[in-house]
All heavy atoms as atom14 arrays in JSON, in Angstrom:
{
  "sequence": "ESFAEALVPVMDSLEKALEASAGGSDSMREGIEITLR",
  "atom14_mask": [
    [1, 1, 1, 1, 1, 1, 1, 1, 1, 0, 0, 0, 0, 0],
    [1, 1, 1, 1, 1, 1, 0, 0, 0, 0, 0, 0, 0, 0],
    [1, 1, 1, 1, 1, 1, 1, 1, 1, 1, 1, 0, 0, 0],
    [1, 1, 1, 1, 1, 0, 0, 0, 0, 0, 0, 0, 0, 0],
    [1, 1, 1, 1, 1, 1, 1, 1, 1, 0, 0, 0, 0, 0],
    [1, 1, 1, 1, 1, 0, 0, 0, 0, 0, 0, 0, 0, 0],
    [1, 1, 1, 1, 1, 1, 1, 1, 0, 0, 0, 0, 0, 0],
    [1, 1, 1, 1, 1, 1, 1, 0, 0, 0, 0, 0, 0, 0],
    [1, 1, 1, 1, 1, 1, 1, 0, 0, 0, 0, 0, 0, 0],
    [1, 1, 1, 1, 1, 1, 1, 0, 0, 0, 0, 0, 0, 0],
    [1, 1, 1, 1, 1, 1, 1, 1, 0, 0, 0, 0, 0, 0],
    [1, 1, 1, 1, 1, 1, 1, 1, 0, 0, 0, 0, 0, 0],
    [1, 1, 1, 1, 1, 1, 0, 0, 0, 0, 0, 0, 0, 0],
    [1, 1, 1, 1, 1, 1, 1, 1, 0, 0, 0, 0, 0, 0],
    [1, 1, 1, 1, 1, 1, 1, 1, 1, 0, 0, 0, 0, 0],
    [1, 1, 1, 1, 1, 1, 1, 1, 1, 0, 0, 0, 0, 0],
    [1, 1, 1, 1, 1, 0, 0, 0, 0, 0, 0, 0, 0, 0],
    [1, 1, 1, 1, 1, 1, 1, 1, 0, 0, 0, 0, 0, 0],
    [1, 1, 1, 1, 1, 1, 1, 1, 1, 0, 0, 0, 0, 0],
    [1, 1, 1, 1, 1, 0, 0, 0, 0, 0, 0, 0, 0, 0],
    [1, 1, 1, 1, 1, 1, 0, 0, 0, 0, 0, 0, 0, 0],
    [1, 1, 1, 1, 1, 0, 0, 0, 0, 0, 0, 0, 0, 0],
    [1, 1, 1, 1, 0, 0, 0, 0, 0, 0, 0, 0, 0, 0],
    [1, 1, 1, 1, 0, 0, 0, 0, 0, 0, 0, 0, 0, 0],
    [1, 1, 1, 1, 1, 1, 0, 0, 0, 0, 0, 0, 0, 0],
    [1, 1, 1, 1, 1, 1, 1, 1, 0, 0, 0, 0, 0, 0],
    [1, 1, 1, 1, 1, 1, 0, 0, 0, 0, 0, 0, 0, 0],
    [1, 1, 1, 1, 1, 1, 1, 1, 0, 0, 0, 0, 0, 0],
    [1, 1, 1, 1, 1, 1, 1, 1, 1, 1, 1, 0, 0, 0],
    [1, 1, 1, 1, 1, 1, 1, 1, 1, 0, 0, 0, 0, 0],
    [1, 1, 1, 1, 0, 0, 0, 0, 0, 0, 0, 0, 0, 0],
    [1, 1, 1, 1, 1, 1, 1, 1, 0, 0, 0, 0, 0, 0],
    [1, 1, 1, 1, 1, 1, 1, 1, 1, 0, 0, 0, 0, 0],
    [1, 1, 1, 1, 1, 1, 1, 1, 0, 0, 0, 0, 0, 0],
    [1, 1, 1, 1, 1, 1, 1, 0, 0, 0, 0, 0, 0, 0],
    [1, 1, 1, 1, 1, 1, 1, 1, 0, 0, 0, 0, 0, 0],
    [1, 1, 1, 1, 1, 1, 1, 1, 1, 1, 1, 0, 0, 0]
  ],
  "atom14_positions": [
    [[-5.76, 17.68, -9.63], [-4.33, 17.51, -9.9], [-3.48, 17.58, -8.65], [-2.63, 16.69, -8.41], [-3.85, 18.51, -10.93], [-2.43, 18.28, -11.37], [-2.05, 19.1, -12.58], [-2.86, 19.91, -13.07], [-0.9, 18.94, -13.03], [0.0, 0.0, 0.0], [0.0, 0.0, 0.0], [0.0, 0.0, 0.0], [0.0, 0.0, 0.0], [0.0, 0.0, 0.0]],
    [[-3.64, 18.59, -7.82], [-2.78, 18.72, -6.64], [-3.11, 17.6, -5.64], [-2.21, 17.05, -4.98], [-2.95, 20.08, -5.95], [-4.28, 20.23, -5.51], [0.0, 0.0, 0.0], [0.0, 0.0, 0.0], [0.0, 0.0, 0.0], [0.0, 0.0, 0.0], [0.0, 0.0, 0.0], [0.0, 0.0, 0.0], [0.0, 0.0, 0.0], [0.0, 0.0, 0.0]],
    [[-4.35, 17.19, -5.55], [-4.76, 16.09, -4.72], [-4.1, 14.79, -5.19], [-3.57, 14.0, -4.41], [-6.3, 15.93, -4.74], [-6.83, 14.71, -4.07], [-6.78, 14.6, -2.69], [-7.37, 13.67, -4.8], [-7.28, 13.49, -2.04], [-7.86, 12.57, -4.18], [-7.81, 12.47, -2.78], [0.0, 0.0, 0.0], [0.0, 0.0, 0.0], [0.0, 0.0, 0.0]],
    [[-4.1, 14.63, -6.51], [-3.5, 13.42, -7.09], [-1.97, 13.4, -6.85], [-1.42, 12.32, -6.55], [-3.78, 13.34, -8.58], [0.0, 0.0, 0.0], [0.0, 0.0, 0.0], [0.0, 0.0, 0.0], [0.0, 0.0, 0.0], [0.0, 0.0, 0.0], [0.0, 0.0, 0.0], [0.0, 0.0, 0.0], [0.0, 0.0, 0.0], [0.0, 0.0, 0.0]],
    [[-1.34, 14.57, -6.96], [0.12, 14.6, -6.73], [0.44, 14.2, -5.28], [1.47, 13.56, -5.03], [0.63, 15.99, -6.99], [0.76, 16.33, -8.45], [1.2, 17.75, -8.72], [1.13, 18.6, -7.79], [1.59, 18.05, -9.86], [0.0, 0.0, 0.0], [0.0, 0.0, 0.0], [0.0, 0.0, 0.0], [0.0, 0.0, 0.0], [0.0, 0.0, 0.0]],
    [[-0.42, 14.51, -4.35], [-0.21, 14.13, -2.97], [-0.48, 12.65, -2.73], [0.15, 12.03, -1.86], [-1.12, 14.96, -2.05], [0.0, 0.0, 0.0], [0.0, 0.0, 0.0], [0.0, 0.0, 0.0], [0.0, 0.0, 0.0], [0.0, 0.0, 0.0], [0.0, 0.0, 0.0], [0.0, 0.0, 0.0], [0.0, 0.0, 0.0], [0.0, 0.0, 0.0]],
    [[-1.39, 12.05, -3.48], [-1.74, 10.63, -3.29], [-0.81, 9.65, -3.98], [-0.69, 8.48, -3.56], [-3.17, 10.38, -3.76], [-4.26, 10.83, -2.83], [-5.62, 10.45, -3.4], [-4.11, 10.23, -1.44], [0.0, 0.0, 0.0], [0.0, 0.0, 0.0], [0.0, 0.0, 0.0], [0.0, 0.0, 0.0], [0.0, 0.0, 0.0], [0.0, 0.0, 0.0]],
    [[-0.14, 10.07, -5.03], [0.76, 9.17, -5.76], [1.83, 8.59, -4.86], [2.09, 7.36, -4.88], [1.31, 9.87, -7.02], [2.49, 9.07, -7.6], [0.24, 10.04, -8.06], [0.0, 0.0, 0.0], [0.0, 0.0, 0.0], [0.0, 0.0, 0.0], [0.0, 0.0, 0.0], [0.0, 0.0, 0.0], [0.0, 0.0, 0.0], [0.0, 0.0, 0.0]],
    [[2.53, 9.33, -4.02], [3.51, 8.71, -3.13], [2.89, 7.74, -2.15], [3.54, 6.75, -1.74], [4.14, 9.91, -2.39], [3.86, 11.09, -3.23], [2.58, 10.81, -3.92], [0.0, 0.0, 0.0], [0.0, 0.0, 0.0], [0.0, 0.0, 0.0], [0.0, 0.0, 0.0], [0.0, 0.0, 0.0], [0.0, 0.0, 0.0], [0.0, 0.0, 0.0]],
    [[1.65, 7.97, -1.73], [0.97, 7.03, -0.84], [0.78, 5.71, -1.55], [1.01, 4.64, -0.94], [-0.41, 7.62, -0.39], [-1.19, 6.61, 0.41], [-0.22, 8.9, 0.36], [0.0, 0.0, 0.0], [0.0, 0.0, 0.0], [0.0, 0.0, 0.0], [0.0, 0.0, 0.0], [0.0, 0.0, 0.0], [0.0, 0.0, 0.0], [0.0, 0.0, 0.0]],
    [[0.4, 5.75, -2.79], [0.24, 4.53, -3.57], [1.57, 3.81, -3.67], [1.65, 2.58, -3.48], [-0.28, 4.87, -4.98], [-0.4, 3.7, -5.91], [-1.79, 2.67, -5.49], [-2.74, 2.83, -6.95], [0.0, 0.0, 0.0], [0.0, 0.0, 0.0], [0.0, 0.0, 0.0], [0.0, 0.0, 0.0], [0.0, 0.0, 0.0], [0.0, 0.0, 0.0]],
    [[2.67, 4.54, -3.93], [3.98, 3.91, -4.0], [4.34, 3.22, -2.69], [4.83, 2.11, -2.67], [5.03, 4.98, -4.34], [4.92, 5.54, -5.76], [4.29, 4.85, -6.62], [5.44, 6.62, -5.99], [0.0, 0.0, 0.0], [0.0, 0.0, 0.0], [0.0, 0.0, 0.0], [0.0, 0.0, 0.0], [0.0, 0.0, 0.0], [0.0, 0.0, 0.0]],
    [[4.1, 3.93, -1.57], [4.41, 3.37, -0.26], [3.63, 2.11, 0.03], [4.16, 1.12, 0.59], [4.17, 4.4, 0.85], [5.02, 5.5, 0.66], [0.0, 0.0, 0.0], [0.0, 0.0, 0.0], [0.0, 0.0, 0.0], [0.0, 0.0, 0.0], [0.0, 0.0, 0.0], [0.0, 0.0, 0.0], [0.0, 0.0, 0.0], [0.0, 0.0, 0.0]],
    [[2.34, 2.12, -0.28], [1.51, 0.93, -0.07], [2.0, -0.27, -0.87], [2.03, -1.4, -0.37], [0.04, 1.23, -0.42], [-0.76, 1.95, 0.64], [-2.14, 2.33, 0.09], [-0.92, 1.07, 1.88], [0.0, 0.0, 0.0], [0.0, 0.0, 0.0], [0.0, 0.0, 0.0], [0.0, 0.0, 0.0], [0.0, 0.0, 0.0], [0.0, 0.0, 0.0]],
    [[2.38, 0.0, -2.11], [2.89, -1.11, -2.95], [4.19, -1.66, -2.4], [4.39, -2.87, -2.37], [3.1, -0.62, -4.39], [1.79, -0.4, -5.13], [1.95, 0.16, -6.54], [3.02, 0.75, -6.82], [1.0, 0.04, -7.31], [0.0, 0.0, 0.0], [0.0, 0.0, 0.0], [0.0, 0.0, 0.0], [0.0, 0.0, 0.0], [0.0, 0.0, 0.0]],
    [[5.1, -0.78, -1.91], [6.36, -1.24, -1.32], [6.09, -2.03, -0.02], [6.73, -3.03, 0.24], [7.29, -0.04, -1.02], [7.77, 0.68, -2.25], [8.67, -0.23, -3.09], [9.12, 0.54, -4.3], [9.8, -0.32, -5.27], [0.0, 0.0, 0.0], [0.0, 0.0, 0.0], [0.0, 0.0, 0.0], [0.0, 0.0, 0.0], [0.0, 0.0, 0.0]],
    [[5.11, -1.54, 0.78], [4.77, -2.25, 2.02], [4.22, -3.64, 1.69], [4.5, -4.62, 2.42], [3.76, -1.45, 2.83], [0.0, 0.0, 0.0], [0.0, 0.0, 0.0], [0.0, 0.0, 0.0], [0.0, 0.0, 0.0], [0.0, 0.0, 0.0], [0.0, 0.0, 0.0], [0.0, 0.0, 0.0], [0.0, 0.0, 0.0], [0.0, 0.0, 0.0]],
    [[3.45, -3.71, 0.65], [2.86, -5.02, 0.26], [3.98, -5.98, -0.19], [3.95, -7.16, 0.16], [1.86, -4.82, -0.88], [0.96, -5.96, -1.23], [0.14, -6.39, -0.02], [0.01, -5.53, -2.35], [0.0, 0.0, 0.0], [0.0, 0.0, 0.0], [0.0, 0.0, 0.0], [0.0, 0.0, 0.0], [0.0, 0.0, 0.0], [0.0, 0.0, 0.0]],
    [[4.96, -5.46, -0.92], [6.08, -6.29, -1.34], [6.9, -6.76, -0.13], [7.32, -7.9, -0.05], [6.99, -5.53, -2.3], [6.4, -5.27, -3.67], [7.26, -4.35, -4.51], [8.43, -4.06, -4.13], [6.75, -3.89, -5.55], [0.0, 0.0, 0.0], [0.0, 0.0, 0.0], [0.0, 0.0, 0.0], [0.0, 0.0, 0.0], [0.0, 0.0, 0.0]],
    [[7.12, -5.84, 0.83], [7.94, -6.17, 1.99], [7.24, -7.15, 2.96], [7.88, -7.9, 3.66], [8.3, -4.87, 2.76], [0.0, 0.0, 0.0], [0.0, 0.0, 0.0], [0.0, 0.0, 0.0], [0.0, 0.0, 0.0], [0.0, 0.0, 0.0], [0.0, 0.0, 0.0], [0.0, 0.0, 0.0], [0.0, 0.0, 0.0], [0.0, 0.0, 0.0]],
    [[5.9, -7.11, 2.99], [5.18, -7.97, 3.92], [4.82, -9.33, 3.31], [3.98, -10.04, 3.87], [3.9, -7.27, 4.38], [2.98, -7.21, 3.3], [0.0, 0.0, 0.0], [0.0, 0.0, 0.0], [0.0, 0.0, 0.0], [0.0, 0.0, 0.0], [0.0, 0.0, 0.0], [0.0, 0.0, 0.0], [0.0, 0.0, 0.0], [0.0, 0.0, 0.0]],
    [[5.47, -9.71, 2.23], [5.14, -10.97, 1.57], [5.32, -12.16, 2.52], [4.56, -13.11, 2.44], [6.02, -11.14, 0.32], [0.0, 0.0, 0.0], [0.0, 0.0, 0.0], [0.0, 0.0, 0.0], [0.0, 0.0, 0.0], [0.0, 0.0, 0.0], [0.0, 0.0, 0.0], [0.0, 0.0, 0.0], [0.0, 0.0, 0.0], [0.0, 0.0, 0.0]],
    [[6.27, -12.11, 3.38], [6.53, -13.23, 4.3], [5.91, -13.02, 5.67], [6.0, -13.86, 6.54], [0.0, 0.0, 0.0], [0.0, 0.0, 0.0], [0.0, 0.0, 0.0], [0.0, 0.0, 0.0], [0.0, 0.0, 0.0], [0.0, 0.0, 0.0], [0.0, 0.0, 0.0], [0.0, 0.0, 0.0], [0.0, 0.0, 0.0], [0.0, 0.0, 0.0]],
    [[5.28, -11.87, 5.93], [4.76, -11.51, 7.23], [3.36, -11.97, 7.49], [2.84, -12.91, 6.87], [0.0, 0.0, 0.0], [0.0, 0.0, 0.0], [0.0, 0.0, 0.0], [0.0, 0.0, 0.0], [0.0, 0.0, 0.0], [0.0, 0.0, 0.0], [0.0, 0.0, 0.0], [0.0, 0.0, 0.0], [0.0, 0.0, 0.0], [0.0, 0.0, 0.0]],
    [[2.73, -11.29, 8.4], [1.37, -11.64, 8.84], [0.35, -11.51, 7.73], [0.35, -10.56, 6.96], [1.04, -10.71, 10.01], [-0.29, -10.44, 10.1], [0.0, 0.0, 0.0], [0.0, 0.0, 0.0], [0.0, 0.0, 0.0], [0.0, 0.0, 0.0], [0.0, 0.0, 0.0], [0.0, 0.0, 0.0], [0.0, 0.0, 0.0], [0.0, 0.0, 0.0]],
    [[-0.6, -12.49, 7.7], [-1.62, -12.47, 6.67], [-2.65, -11.34, 6.88], [-3.12, -10.76, 5.91], [-2.39, -13.82, 6.67], [-1.56, -14.94, 6.06], [-0.62, -14.6, 5.3], [-1.86, -16.11, 6.33], [0.0, 0.0, 0.0], [0.0, 0.0, 0.0], [0.0, 0.0, 0.0], [0.0, 0.0, 0.0], [0.0, 0.0, 0.0], [0.0, 0.0, 0.0]],
    [[-2.96, -11.0, 8.12], [-3.95, -9.94, 8.38], [-3.36, -8.59, 7.95], [-4.11, -7.75, 7.41], [-4.38, -9.92, 9.82], [-3.29, -9.64, 10.66], [0.0, 0.0, 0.0], [0.0, 0.0, 0.0], [0.0, 0.0, 0.0], [0.0, 0.0, 0.0], [0.0, 0.0, 0.0], [0.0, 0.0, 0.0], [0.0, 0.0, 0.0], [0.0, 0.0, 0.0]],
    [[-2.09, -8.34, 8.16], [-1.49, -7.1, 7.74], [-1.49, -6.98, 6.23], [-1.82, -5.96, 5.65], [-0.06, -6.96, 8.29], [0.62, -5.65, 7.9], [2.24, -5.57, 8.66], [2.97, -4.31, 7.7], [0.0, 0.0, 0.0], [0.0, 0.0, 0.0], [0.0, 0.0, 0.0], [0.0, 0.0, 0.0], [0.0, 0.0, 0.0], [0.0, 0.0, 0.0]],
    [[-1.13, -8.06, 5.6], [-1.1, -8.1, 4.13], [-2.5, -7.88, 3.6], [-2.68, -7.11, 2.63], [-0.54, -9.44, 3.65], [-0.48, -9.53, 2.16], [0.28, -10.78, 1.72], [0.32, -10.92, 0.28], [1.1, -10.22, -0.53], [1.92, -9.33, -0.06], [1.06, -10.39, -1.83], [0.0, 0.0, 0.0], [0.0, 0.0, 0.0], [0.0, 0.0, 0.0]],
    [[-3.51, -8.5, 4.16], [-4.89, -8.36, 3.71], [-5.37, -6.9, 3.86], [-6.01, -6.34, 2.94], [-5.81, -9.27, 4.5], [-7.24, -9.28, 3.99], [-8.11, -10.25, 4.75], [-7.59, -11.25, 5.28], [-9.31, -9.99, 4.86], [0.0, 0.0, 0.0], [0.0, 0.0, 0.0], [0.0, 0.0, 0.0], [0.0, 0.0, 0.0], [0.0, 0.0, 0.0]],
    [[-5.03, -6.26, 4.98], [-5.39, -4.87, 5.19], [-4.74, -3.93, 4.17], [-5.38, -3.03, 3.66], [0.0, 0.0, 0.0], [0.0, 0.0, 0.0], [0.0, 0.0, 0.0], [0.0, 0.0, 0.0], [0.0, 0.0, 0.0], [0.0, 0.0, 0.0], [0.0, 0.0, 0.0], [0.0, 0.0, 0.0], [0.0, 0.0, 0.0], [0.0, 0.0, 0.0]],
    [[-3.49, -4.18, 3.87], [-2.78, -3.39, 2.88], [-3.39, -3.6, 1.5], [-3.58, -2.63, 0.73], [-1.26, -3.71, 2.88], [-0.62, -3.26, 4.16], [-0.56, -3.05, 1.66], [0.79, -3.69, 4.35], [0.0, 0.0, 0.0], [0.0, 0.0, 0.0], [0.0, 0.0, 0.0], [0.0, 0.0, 0.0], [0.0, 0.0, 0.0], [0.0, 0.0, 0.0]],
    [[-3.75, -4.84, 1.18], [-4.35, -5.12, -0.14], [-5.72, -4.41, -0.27], [-6.03, -3.86, -1.32], [-4.54, -6.63, -0.33], [-3.26, -7.35, -0.63], [-3.4, -8.86, -0.68], [-4.48, -9.38, -0.28], [-2.48, -9.53, -1.16], [0.0, 0.0, 0.0], [0.0, 0.0, 0.0], [0.0, 0.0, 0.0], [0.0, 0.0, 0.0], [0.0, 0.0, 0.0]],
    [[-6.53, -4.42, 0.78], [-7.82, -3.73, 0.74], [-7.61, -2.22, 0.55], [-8.3, -1.58, -0.25], [-8.64, -4.03, 2.02], [-9.07, -5.49, 2.03], [-9.83, -3.1, 2.16], [-9.62, -5.96, 3.36], [0.0, 0.0, 0.0], [0.0, 0.0, 0.0], [0.0, 0.0, 0.0], [0.0, 0.0, 0.0], [0.0, 0.0, 0.0], [0.0, 0.0, 0.0]],
    [[-6.67, -1.65, 1.29], [-6.37, -0.21, 1.19], [-5.9, 0.12, -0.23], [-6.34, 1.13, -0.8], [-5.32, 0.21, 2.21], [-5.75, -0.17, 3.51], [-5.07, 1.7, 2.18], [0.0, 0.0, 0.0], [0.0, 0.0, 0.0], [0.0, 0.0, 0.0], [0.0, 0.0, 0.0], [0.0, 0.0, 0.0], [0.0, 0.0, 0.0], [0.0, 0.0, 0.0]],
    [[-5.07, -0.71, -0.77], [-4.55, -0.48, -2.11], [-5.68, -0.56, -3.16], [-5.74, 0.27, -4.07], [-3.45, -1.53, -2.44], [-2.63, -1.28, -3.67], [-2.0, 0.07, -3.67], [-1.56, -2.37, -3.79], [0.0, 0.0, 0.0], [0.0, 0.0, 0.0], [0.0, 0.0, 0.0], [0.0, 0.0, 0.0], [0.0, 0.0, 0.0], [0.0, 0.0, 0.0]],
    [[-6.59, -1.51, -3.02], [-7.74, -1.61, -3.94], [-8.59, -0.36, -3.87], [-9.06, 0.17, -4.9], [-8.58, -2.84, -3.61], [-8.08, -4.11, -4.27], [-9.13, -5.19, -4.24], [-9.59, -5.54, -2.91], [-9.08, -6.5, -2.14], [-8.06, -7.22, -2.56], [-9.58, -6.75, -0.93], [0.0, 0.0, 0.0], [0.0, 0.0, 0.0], [0.0, 0.0, 0.0]]
  ]
}
């Protein structure tokens, strides 16, 4: 539970970064997608 509470904001940040990088570099987007998976 405490581990999960710490990881939930990381998941939120990765999703926001993925949304923001929609027009950016393909390699950055691909790296974020792999991390998110």
